[in-house]
Amino acid sequence: AVVVSLAAFMEVLDTTIVNVALSHIGGSFAASQDESTWVL
């Protein structure tokens, strides 16, 4: 249970972990906010 949960935890984490970094990602590529949200 712990082993398979480790893999699933990694994937579920990625559904929210990127949210706070969208502005930084967009800034790195000189992209607008609308373009950045497509990362999510």
PDB file of all heavy atoms in Angstrom:
ATOM      1  N   ALA A   1       0.827  -1.208   0.000  1.00  0.00           N
ATOM      2  CA  ALA A   1       0.000   0.000   0.000  1.00  0.00           C
ATOM      3  C   ALA A   1       0.861   1.258   0.000  1.00  0.00           C
ATOM      4  O   ALA A   1       0.575   2.227  -0.714  1.00  0.00           O
ATOM      5  CB  ALA A   1      -0.932  -0.003   1.208  1.00  0.00           C
ATOM      6  N   VAL A   2       1.934   1.249   0.786  1.00  0.00           N
ATOM      7  CA  VAL A   2       2.820   2.414   0.859  1.00  0.00           C
ATOM      8  C   VAL A   2       3.536   2.624  -0.470  1.00  0.00           C
ATOM      9  O   VAL A   2       3.666   3.747  -0.966  1.00  0.00           O
ATOM     10  CB  VAL A   2       3.836   2.259   2.006  1.00  0.00           C
ATOM     11  CG1 VAL A   2       4.899   3.355   1.935  1.00  0.00           C
ATOM     12  CG2 VAL A   2       3.130   2.302   3.354  1.00  0.00           C
ATOM     13  N   VAL A   3       3.987   1.534  -1.071  1.00  0.00           N
ATOM     14  CA  VAL A   3       4.758   1.624  -2.314  1.00  0.00           C
ATOM     15  C   VAL A   3       3.900   2.176  -3.448  1.00  0.00           C
ATOM     16  O   VAL A   3       4.311   3.100  -4.165  1.00  0.00           O
ATOM     17  CB  VAL A   3       5.328   0.237  -2.687  1.00  0.00           C
ATOM     18  CG1 VAL A   3       5.850   0.244  -4.124  1.00  0.00           C
ATOM     19  CG2 VAL A   3       6.437  -0.155  -1.721  1.00  0.00           C
ATOM     20  N   VAL A   4       2.712   1.609  -3.640  1.00  0.00           N
ATOM     21  CA  VAL A   4       1.868   2.087  -4.747  1.00  0.00           C
ATOM     22  C   VAL A   4       1.337   3.494  -4.459  1.00  0.00           C
ATOM     23  O   VAL A   4       1.085   4.274  -5.375  1.00  0.00           O
ATOM     24  CB  VAL A   4       0.712   1.113  -5.043  1.00  0.00           C
ATOM     25  CG1 VAL A   4       1.260  -0.226  -5.508  1.00  0.00           C
ATOM     26  CG2 VAL A   4      -0.194   0.931  -3.842  1.00  0.00           C
ATOM     27  N   SER A   5       1.179   3.818  -3.172  1.00  0.00           N
ATOM     28  CA  SER A   5       0.731   5.164  -2.820  1.00  0.00           C
ATOM     29  C   SER A   5       1.808   6.201  -3.094  1.00  0.00           C
ATOM     30  O   SER A   5       1.499   7.368  -3.365  1.00  0.00           O
ATOM     31  CB  SER A   5       0.313   5.223  -1.341  1.00  0.00           C
ATOM     32  OG  SER A   5      -0.813   4.399  -1.103  1.00  0.00           O
ATOM     33  N   LEU A   6       3.063   5.785  -3.030  1.00  0.00           N
ATOM     34  CA  LEU A   6       4.166   6.704  -3.322  1.00  0.00           C
ATOM     35  C   LEU A   6       4.064   7.223  -4.754  1.00  0.00           C
ATOM     36  O   LEU A   6       4.206   8.421  -5.008  1.00  0.00           O
ATOM     37  CB  LEU A   6       5.504   5.991  -3.107  1.00  0.00           C
ATOM     38  CG  LEU A   6       6.771   6.797  -3.421  1.00  0.00           C
ATOM     39  CD1 LEU A   6       6.896   7.977  -2.465  1.00  0.00           C
ATOM     40  CD2 LEU A   6       8.003   5.892  -3.321  1.00  0.00           C
ATOM     41  N   ALA A   7       3.802   6.309  -5.673  1.00  0.00           N
ATOM     42  CA  ALA A   7       3.680   6.704  -7.077  1.00  0.00           C
ATOM     43  C   ALA A   7       2.449   7.583  -7.295  1.00  0.00           C
ATOM     44  O   ALA A   7       2.501   8.600  -7.992  1.00  0.00           O
ATOM     45  CB  ALA A   7       3.614   5.468  -7.965  1.00  0.00           C
ATOM     46  N   ALA A   8       1.315   7.202  -6.696  1.00  0.00           N
ATOM     47  CA  ALA A   8       0.093   7.973  -6.874  1.00  0.00           C
ATOM     48  C   ALA A   8       0.194   9.344  -6.201  1.00  0.00           C
ATOM     49  O   ALA A   8      -0.333  10.328  -6.715  1.00  0.00           O
ATOM     50  CB  ALA A   8      -1.100   7.194  -6.310  1.00  0.00           C
ATOM     51  N   PHE A   9       0.877   9.402  -5.053  1.00  0.00           N
ATOM     52  CA  PHE A   9       1.067  10.673  -4.355  1.00  0.00           C
ATOM     53  C   PHE A   9       1.792  11.668  -5.254  1.00  0.00           C
ATOM     54  O   PHE A   9       1.427  12.850  -5.316  1.00  0.00           O
ATOM     55  CB  PHE A   9       1.871  10.440  -3.073  1.00  0.00           C
ATOM     56  CG  PHE A   9       1.996  11.649  -2.195  1.00  0.00           C
ATOM     57  CD1 PHE A   9       1.082  11.886  -1.190  1.00  0.00           C
ATOM     58  CD2 PHE A   9       3.033  12.552  -2.371  1.00  0.00           C
ATOM     59  CE1 PHE A   9       1.194  13.009  -0.370  1.00  0.00           C
ATOM     60  CE2 PHE A   9       3.152  13.670  -1.565  1.00  0.00           C
ATOM     61  CZ  PHE A   9       2.232  13.895  -0.556  1.00  0.00           C
ATOM     62  N   MET A  10       2.799  11.174  -5.958  1.00  0.00           N
ATOM     63  CA  MET A  10       3.583  12.008  -6.864  1.00  0.00           C
ATOM     64  C   MET A  10       2.682  12.607  -7.945  1.00  0.00           C
ATOM     65  O   MET A  10       2.790  13.804  -8.278  1.00  0.00           O
ATOM     66  CB  MET A  10       4.690  11.154  -7.488  1.00  0.00           C
ATOM     67  CG  MET A  10       5.547  11.834  -8.530  1.00  0.00           C
ATOM     68  SD  MET A  10       6.852  10.711  -9.125  1.00  0.00           S
ATOM     69  CE  MET A  10       5.878   9.389  -9.877  1.00  0.00           C
ATOM     70  N   GLU A  11       1.770  11.809  -8.465  1.00  0.00           N
ATOM     71  CA  GLU A  11       0.900  12.280  -9.543  1.00  0.00           C
ATOM     72  C   GLU A  11      -0.163  13.244  -9.038  1.00  0.00           C
ATOM     73  O   GLU A  11      -0.419  14.287  -9.646  1.00  0.00           O
ATOM     74  CB  GLU A  11       0.232  11.075 -10.219  1.00  0.00           C
ATOM     75  CG  GLU A  11      -0.506  11.409 -11.494  1.00  0.00           C
ATOM     76  CD  GLU A  11      -1.944  11.834 -11.238  1.00  0.00           C
ATOM     77  OE1 GLU A  11      -2.541  11.331 -10.259  1.00  0.00           O
ATOM     78  OE2 GLU A  11      -2.455  12.674 -11.995  1.00  0.00           O
ATOM     79  N   VAL A  12      -0.788  12.929  -7.892  1.00  0.00           N
ATOM     80  CA  VAL A  12      -1.823  13.807  -7.345  1.00  0.00           C
ATOM     81  C   VAL A  12      -1.220  15.150  -6.944  1.00  0.00           C
ATOM     82  O   VAL A  12      -1.833  16.205  -7.120  1.00  0.00           O
ATOM     83  CB  VAL A  12      -2.515  13.143  -6.133  1.00  0.00           C
ATOM     84  CG1 VAL A  12      -3.539  14.095  -5.520  1.00  0.00           C
ATOM     85  CG2 VAL A  12      -3.197  11.852  -6.557  1.00  0.00           C
ATOM     86  N   LEU A  13      -0.003  15.110  -6.415  1.00  0.00           N
ATOM     87  CA  LEU A  13       0.686  16.339  -6.009  1.00  0.00           C
ATOM     88  C   LEU A  13       0.816  17.300  -7.187  1.00  0.00           C
ATOM     89  O   LEU A  13       0.693  18.519  -7.034  1.00  0.00           O
ATOM     90  CB  LEU A  13       2.064  15.989  -5.459  1.00  0.00           C
ATOM     91  CG  LEU A  13       2.830  17.092  -4.725  1.00  0.00           C
ATOM     92  CD1 LEU A  13       2.170  17.399  -3.386  1.00  0.00           C
ATOM     93  CD2 LEU A  13       4.279  16.670  -4.495  1.00  0.00           C
ATOM     94  N   ASP A  14       1.036  16.752  -8.377  1.00  0.00           N
ATOM     95  CA  ASP A  14       1.253  17.592  -9.550  1.00  0.00           C
ATOM     96  C   ASP A  14      -0.019  18.274 -10.046  1.00  0.00           C
ATOM     97  O   ASP A  14       0.053  19.145 -10.913  1.00  0.00           O
ATOM     98  CB  ASP A  14       1.873  16.767 -10.685  1.00  0.00           C
ATOM     99  CG  ASP A  14       3.389  16.891 -10.704  1.00  0.00           C
ATOM    100  OD1 ASP A  14       3.989  16.757  -9.622  1.00  0.00           O
ATOM    101  OD2 ASP A  14       3.967  17.128 -11.766  1.00  0.00           O
ATOM    102  N   THR A  15      -1.181  17.902  -9.512  1.00  0.00           N
ATOM    103  CA  THR A  15      -2.410  18.591  -9.900  1.00  0.00           C
ATOM    104  C   THR A  15      -2.523  19.948  -9.216  1.00  0.00           C
ATOM    105  O   THR A  15      -3.261  20.823  -9.684  1.00  0.00           O
ATOM    106  CB  THR A  15      -3.656  17.757  -9.533  1.00  0.00           C
ATOM    107  OG1 THR A  15      -3.705  17.559  -8.120  1.00  0.00           O
ATOM    108  CG2 THR A  15      -3.629  16.415 -10.239  1.00  0.00           C
ATOM    109  N   THR A  16      -1.797  20.163  -8.111  1.00  0.00           N
ATOM    110  CA  THR A  16      -1.889  21.439  -7.387  1.00  0.00           C
ATOM    111  C   THR A  16      -0.549  22.145  -7.224  1.00  0.00           C
ATOM    112  O   THR A  16      -0.515  23.355  -7.014  1.00  0.00           O
ATOM    113  CB  THR A  16      -2.499  21.232  -5.988  1.00  0.00           C
ATOM    114  OG1 THR A  16      -1.686  20.303  -5.243  1.00  0.00           O
ATOM    115  CG2 THR A  16      -3.909  20.697  -6.082  1.00  0.00           C
ATOM    116  N   ILE A  17       0.548  21.404  -7.302  1.00  0.00           N
ATOM    117  CA  ILE A  17       1.849  22.003  -6.996  1.00  0.00           C
ATOM    118  C   ILE A  17       2.258  23.056  -8.020  1.00  0.00           C
ATOM    119  O   ILE A  17       2.976  24.014  -7.698  1.00  0.00           O
ATOM    120  CB  ILE A  17       2.938  20.901  -6.896  1.00  0.00           C
ATOM    121  CG1 ILE A  17       4.203  21.446  -6.226  1.00  0.00           C
ATOM    122  CG2 ILE A  17       3.265  20.319  -8.268  1.00  0.00           C
ATOM    123  CD1 ILE A  17       5.240  20.371  -5.937  1.00  0.00           C
ATOM    124  N   VAL A  18       1.787  22.919  -9.256  1.00  0.00           N
ATOM    125  CA  VAL A  18       2.172  23.850 -10.322  1.00  0.00           C
ATOM    126  C   VAL A  18       1.407  25.168 -10.237  1.00  0.00           C
ATOM    127  O   VAL A  18       1.858  26.189 -10.754  1.00  0.00           O
ATOM    128  CB  VAL A  18       1.970  23.181 -11.701  1.00  0.00           C
ATOM    129  CG1 VAL A  18       2.285  24.141 -12.842  1.00  0.00           C
ATOM    130  CG2 VAL A  18       2.847  21.941 -11.824  1.00  0.00           C
ATOM    131  N   ASN A  19       0.252  25.152  -9.552  1.00  0.00           N
ATOM    132  CA  ASN A  19      -0.602  26.345  -9.523  1.00  0.00           C
ATOM    133  C   ASN A  19       0.145  27.599  -9.094  1.00  0.00           C
ATOM    134  O   ASN A  19       0.003  28.666  -9.702  1.00  0.00           O
ATOM    135  CB  ASN A  19      -1.788  26.125  -8.572  1.00  0.00           C
ATOM    136  CG  ASN A  19      -2.716  25.022  -9.057  1.00  0.00           C
ATOM    137  OD1 ASN A  19      -2.345  24.207  -9.885  1.00  0.00           O
ATOM    138  ND2 ASN A  19      -3.914  24.988  -8.520  1.00  0.00           N
ATOM    139  N   VAL A  20       0.943  27.480  -8.020  1.00  0.00           N
ATOM    140  CA  VAL A  20       1.597  28.659  -7.468  1.00  0.00           C
ATOM    141  C   VAL A  20       2.793  29.096  -8.306  1.00  0.00           C
ATOM    142  O   VAL A  20       3.360  30.158  -8.062  1.00  0.00           O
ATOM    143  CB  VAL A  20       2.050  28.394  -6.015  1.00  0.00           C
ATOM    144  CG1 VAL A  20       0.853  28.154  -5.123  1.00  0.00           C
ATOM    145  CG2 VAL A  20       3.016  27.213  -5.944  1.00  0.00           C
ATOM    146  N   ALA A  21       3.205  28.260  -9.261  1.00  0.00           N
ATOM    147  CA  ALA A  21       4.396  28.581 -10.065  1.00  0.00           C
ATOM    148  C   ALA A  21       4.054  29.080 -11.457  1.00  0.00           C
ATOM    149  O   ALA A  21       4.960  29.367 -12.247  1.00  0.00           O
ATOM    150  CB  ALA A  21       5.294  27.347 -10.177  1.00  0.00           C
ATOM    151  N   LEU A  22       2.765  29.211 -11.783  1.00  0.00           N
ATOM    152  CA  LEU A  22       2.381  29.585 -13.148  1.00  0.00           C
ATOM    153  C   LEU A  22       2.965  30.931 -13.564  1.00  0.00           C
ATOM    154  O   LEU A  22       3.429  31.093 -14.703  1.00  0.00           O
ATOM    155  CB  LEU A  22       0.855  29.613 -13.281  1.00  0.00           C
ATOM    156  CG  LEU A  22       0.134  28.257 -13.273  1.00  0.00           C
ATOM    157  CD1 LEU A  22      -1.360  28.459 -13.406  1.00  0.00           C
ATOM    158  CD2 LEU A  22       0.651  27.358 -14.386  1.00  0.00           C
ATOM    159  N   SER A  23       2.958  31.909 -12.660  1.00  0.00           N
ATOM    160  CA  SER A  23       3.495  33.225 -13.019  1.00  0.00           C
ATOM    161  C   SER A  23       4.991  33.152 -13.276  1.00  0.00           C
ATOM    162  O   SER A  23       5.517  33.832 -14.161  1.00  0.00           O
ATOM    163  CB  SER A  23       3.200  34.229 -11.912  1.00  0.00           C
ATOM    164  OG  SER A  23       3.782  33.821 -10.683  1.00  0.00           O
ATOM    165  N   HIS A  24       5.703  32.308 -12.519  1.00  0.00           N
ATOM    166  CA  HIS A  24       7.143  32.152 -12.714  1.00  0.00           C
ATOM    167  C   HIS A  24       7.432  31.451 -14.044  1.00  0.00           C
ATOM    168  O   HIS A  24       8.377  31.808 -14.757  1.00  0.00           O
ATOM    169  CB  HIS A  24       7.745  31.355 -11.562  1.00  0.00           C
ATOM    170  CG  HIS A  24       7.641  32.040 -10.228  1.00  0.00           C
ATOM    171  ND1 HIS A  24       8.646  32.827  -9.710  1.00  0.00           N
ATOM    172  CD2 HIS A  24       6.634  32.080  -9.324  1.00  0.00           C
ATOM    173  CE1 HIS A  24       8.275  33.303  -8.542  1.00  0.00           C
ATOM    174  NE2 HIS A  24       7.058  32.859  -8.278  1.00  0.00           N
ATOM    175  N   ILE A  25       6.624  30.433 -14.346  1.00  0.00           N
ATOM    176  CA  ILE A  25       6.809  29.711 -15.617  1.00  0.00           C
ATOM    177  C   ILE A  25       6.550  30.652 -16.787  1.00  0.00           C
ATOM    178  O   ILE A  25       7.316  30.696 -17.754  1.00  0.00           O
ATOM    179  CB  ILE A  25       5.868  28.493 -15.677  1.00  0.00           C
ATOM    180  CG1 ILE A  25       6.255  27.465 -14.600  1.00  0.00           C
ATOM    181  CG2 ILE A  25       5.916  27.838 -17.055  1.00  0.00           C
ATOM    182  CD1 ILE A  25       5.281  26.310 -14.473  1.00  0.00           C
ATOM    183  N   GLY A  26       5.441  31.413 -16.691  1.00  0.00           N
ATOM    184  CA  GLY A  26       5.136  32.362 -17.752  1.00  0.00           C
ATOM    185  C   GLY A  26       6.218  33.412 -17.915  1.00  0.00           C
ATOM    186  O   GLY A  26       6.573  33.790 -19.037  1.00  0.00           O
ATOM    187  N   GLY A  27       6.773  33.876 -16.798  1.00  0.00           N
ATOM    188  CA  GLY A  27       7.846  34.871 -16.858  1.00  0.00           C
ATOM    189  C   GLY A  27       9.091  34.339 -17.532  1.00  0.00           C
ATOM    190  O   GLY A  27       9.792  35.075 -18.248  1.00  0.00           O
ATOM    191  N   SER A  28       9.393  33.059 -17.332  1.00  0.00           N
ATOM    192  CA  SER A  28      10.580  32.465 -17.952  1.00  0.00           C
ATOM    193  C   SER A  28      10.486  32.437 -19.468  1.00  0.00           C
ATOM    194  O   SER A  28      11.497  32.515 -20.161  1.00  0.00           O
ATOM    195  CB  SER A  28      10.778  31.030 -17.433  1.00  0.00           C
ATOM    196  OG  SER A  28      11.025  31.019 -16.057  1.00  0.00           O
ATOM    197  N   PHE A  29       9.255  32.330 -19.975  1.00  0.00           N
ATOM    198  CA  PHE A  29       9.061  32.216 -21.418  1.00  0.00           C
ATOM    199  C   PHE A  29       8.402  33.459 -22.018  1.00  0.00           C
ATOM    200  O   PHE A  29       7.936  33.428 -23.163  1.00  0.00           O
ATOM    201  CB  PHE A  29       8.219  30.980 -21.739  1.00  0.00           C
ATOM    202  CG  PHE A  29       8.803  29.693 -21.223  1.00  0.00           C
ATOM    203  CD1 PHE A  29       8.032  28.816 -20.467  1.00  0.00           C
ATOM    204  CD2 PHE A  29      10.128  29.375 -21.476  1.00  0.00           C
ATOM    205  CE1 PHE A  29       8.561  27.628 -19.989  1.00  0.00           C
ATOM    206  CE2 PHE A  29      10.665  28.185 -20.999  1.00  0.00           C
ATOM    207  CZ  PHE A  29       9.896  27.318 -20.250  1.00  0.00           C
ATOM    208  N   ALA A  30       8.339  34.547 -21.237  1.00  0.00           N
ATOM    209  CA  ALA A  30       7.720  35.793 -21.692  1.00  0.00           C
ATOM    210  C   ALA A  30       6.311  35.544 -22.216  1.00  0.00           C
ATOM    211  O   ALA A  30       5.903  36.074 -23.259  1.00  0.00           O
ATOM    212  CB  ALA A  30       8.581  36.453 -22.765  1.00  0.00           C
ATOM    213  N   ALA A  31       5.543  34.729 -21.479  1.00  0.00           N
ATOM    214  CA  ALA A  31       4.185  34.376 -21.889  1.00  0.00           C
ATOM    215  C   ALA A  31       3.168  35.146 -21.053  1.00  0.00           C
ATOM    216  O   ALA A  31       3.449  35.543 -19.916  1.00  0.00           O
ATOM    217  CB  ALA A  31       3.964  32.871 -21.727  1.00  0.00           C
ATOM    218  N   SER A  32       1.989  35.339 -21.587  1.00  0.00           N
ATOM    219  CA  SER A  32       0.918  36.015 -20.869  1.00  0.00           C
ATOM    220  C   SER A  32       0.318  35.071 -19.827  1.00  0.00           C
ATOM    221  O   SER A  32       0.575  33.863 -19.832  1.00  0.00           O
ATOM    222  CB  SER A  32      -0.176  36.453 -21.844  1.00  0.00           C
ATOM    223  OG  SER A  32      -0.820  35.318 -22.407  1.00  0.00           O
ATOM    224  N   GLN A  33      -0.527  35.638 -18.966  1.00  0.00           N
ATOM    225  CA  GLN A  33      -1.175  34.820 -17.937  1.00  0.00           C
ATOM    226  C   GLN A  33      -2.098  33.777 -18.569  1.00  0.00           C
ATOM    227  O   GLN A  33      -2.153  32.629 -18.115  1.00  0.00           O
ATOM    228  CB  GLN A  33      -1.970  35.708 -16.983  1.00  0.00           C
ATOM    229  CG  GLN A  33      -2.631  34.937 -15.841  1.00  0.00           C
ATOM    230  CD  GLN A  33      -3.357  35.840 -14.880  1.00  0.00           C
ATOM    231  OE1 GLN A  33      -3.261  37.059 -14.976  1.00  0.00           O
ATOM    232  NE2 GLN A  33      -4.097  35.266 -13.953  1.00  0.00           N
ATOM    233  N   ASP A  34      -2.827  34.166 -19.619  1.00  0.00           N
ATOM    234  CA  ASP A  34      -3.710  33.220 -20.296  1.00  0.00           C
ATOM    235  C   ASP A  34      -2.933  32.042 -20.875  1.00  0.00           C
ATOM    236  O   ASP A  34      -3.369  30.889 -20.784  1.00  0.00           O
ATOM    237  CB  ASP A  34      -4.485  33.923 -21.417  1.00  0.00           C
ATOM    238  CG  ASP A  34      -5.538  34.886 -20.868  1.00  0.00           C
ATOM    239  OD1 ASP A  34      -5.793  34.838 -19.648  1.00  0.00           O
ATOM    240  OD2 ASP A  34      -6.086  35.675 -21.656  1.00  0.00           O
ATOM    241  N   GLU A  35      -1.786  32.325 -21.467  1.00  0.00           N
ATOM    242  CA  GLU A  35      -0.955  31.249 -22.029  1.00  0.00           C
ATOM    243  C   GLU A  35      -0.414  30.355 -20.926  1.00  0.00           C
ATOM    244  O   GLU A  35      -0.342  29.128 -21.078  1.00  0.00           O
ATOM    245  CB  GLU A  35       0.204  31.859 -22.829  1.00  0.00           C
ATOM    246  CG  GLU A  35      -0.226  32.554 -24.112  1.00  0.00           C
ATOM    247  CD  GLU A  35       0.915  33.305 -24.783  1.00  0.00           C
ATOM    248  OE1 GLU A  35       1.804  33.816 -24.067  1.00  0.00           O
ATOM    249  OE2 GLU A  35       0.927  33.374 -26.023  1.00  0.00           O
ATOM    250  N   SER A  36      -0.058  30.954 -19.796  1.00  0.00           N
ATOM    251  CA  SER A  36       0.511  30.183 -18.692  1.00  0.00           C
ATOM    252  C   SER A  36      -0.493  29.189 -18.123  1.00  0.00           C
ATOM    253  O   SER A  36      -0.115  28.087 -17.705  1.00  0.00           O
ATOM    254  CB  SER A  36       0.991  31.121 -17.578  1.00  0.00           C
ATOM    255  OG  SER A  36       1.984  32.000 -18.051  1.00  0.00           O
ATOM    256  N   THR A  37      -1.774  29.559 -18.086  1.00  0.00           N
ATOM    257  CA  THR A  37      -2.767  28.663 -17.494  1.00  0.00           C
ATOM    258  C   THR A  37      -2.931  27.371 -18.290  1.00  0.00           C
ATOM    259  O   THR A  37      -3.410  26.373 -17.747  1.00  0.00           O
ATOM    260  CB  THR A  37      -4.134  29.359 -17.386  1.00  0.00           C
ATOM    261  OG1 THR A  37      -4.567  29.790 -18.685  1.00  0.00           O
ATOM    262  CG2 THR A  37      -4.066  30.545 -16.445  1.00  0.00           C
ATOM    263  N   TRP A  38      -2.504  27.365 -19.563  1.00  0.00           N
ATOM    264  CA  TRP A  38      -2.584  26.132 -20.343  1.00  0.00           C
ATOM    265  C   TRP A  38      -1.601  25.077 -19.831  1.00  0.00           C
ATOM    266  O   TRP A  38      -1.757  23.892 -20.123  1.00  0.00           O
ATOM    267  CB  TRP A  38      -2.341  26.411 -21.824  1.00  0.00           C
ATOM    268  CG  TRP A  38      -3.549  26.965 -22.502  1.00  0.00           C
ATOM    269  CD1 TRP A  38      -3.793  28.255 -22.851  1.00  0.00           C
ATOM    270  CD2 TRP A  38      -4.719  26.221 -22.888  1.00  0.00           C
ATOM    271  NE1 TRP A  38      -5.030  28.374 -23.427  1.00  0.00           N
ATOM    272  CE2 TRP A  38      -5.624  27.145 -23.463  1.00  0.00           C
ATOM    273  CE3 TRP A  38      -5.088  24.886 -22.800  1.00  0.00           C
ATOM    274  CZ2 TRP A  38      -6.864  26.762 -23.940  1.00  0.00           C
ATOM    275  CZ3 TRP A  38      -6.332  24.499 -23.282  1.00  0.00           C
ATOM    276  CH2 TRP A  38      -7.199  25.424 -23.846  1.00  0.00           C
ATOM    277  N   VAL A  39      -0.598  25.492 -19.065  1.00  0.00           N
ATOM    278  CA  VAL A  39       0.300  24.519 -18.420  1.00  0.00           C
ATOM    279  C   VAL A  39      -0.505  23.646 -17.459  1.00  0.00           C
ATOM    280  O   VAL A  39      -0.251  22.441 -17.332  1.00  0.00           O
ATOM    281  CB  VAL A  39       1.439  25.248 -17.673  1.00  0.00           C
ATOM    282  CG1 VAL A  39       2.299  24.263 -16.889  1.00  0.00           C
ATOM    283  CG2 VAL A  39       2.297  26.030 -18.660  1.00  0.00           C
ATOM    284  N   LEU A  40      -1.464  24.256 -16.792  1.00  0.00           N
ATOM    285  CA  LEU A  40      -2.332  23.509 -15.884  1.00  0.00           C
ATOM    286  C   LEU A  40      -3.468  22.822 -16.632  1.00  0.00           C
ATOM    287  O   LEU A  40      -3.756  21.641 -16.394  1.00  0.00           O
ATOM    288  CB  LEU A  40      -2.899  24.462 -14.827  1.00  0.00           C
ATOM    289  CG  LEU A  40      -3.819  23.857 -13.769  1.00  0.00           C
ATOM    290  CD1 LEU A  40      -3.086  22.813 -12.945  1.00  0.00           C
ATOM    291  CD2 LEU A  40      -4.369  24.952 -12.865  1.00  0.00           C
TER     292      LEU A  40
END
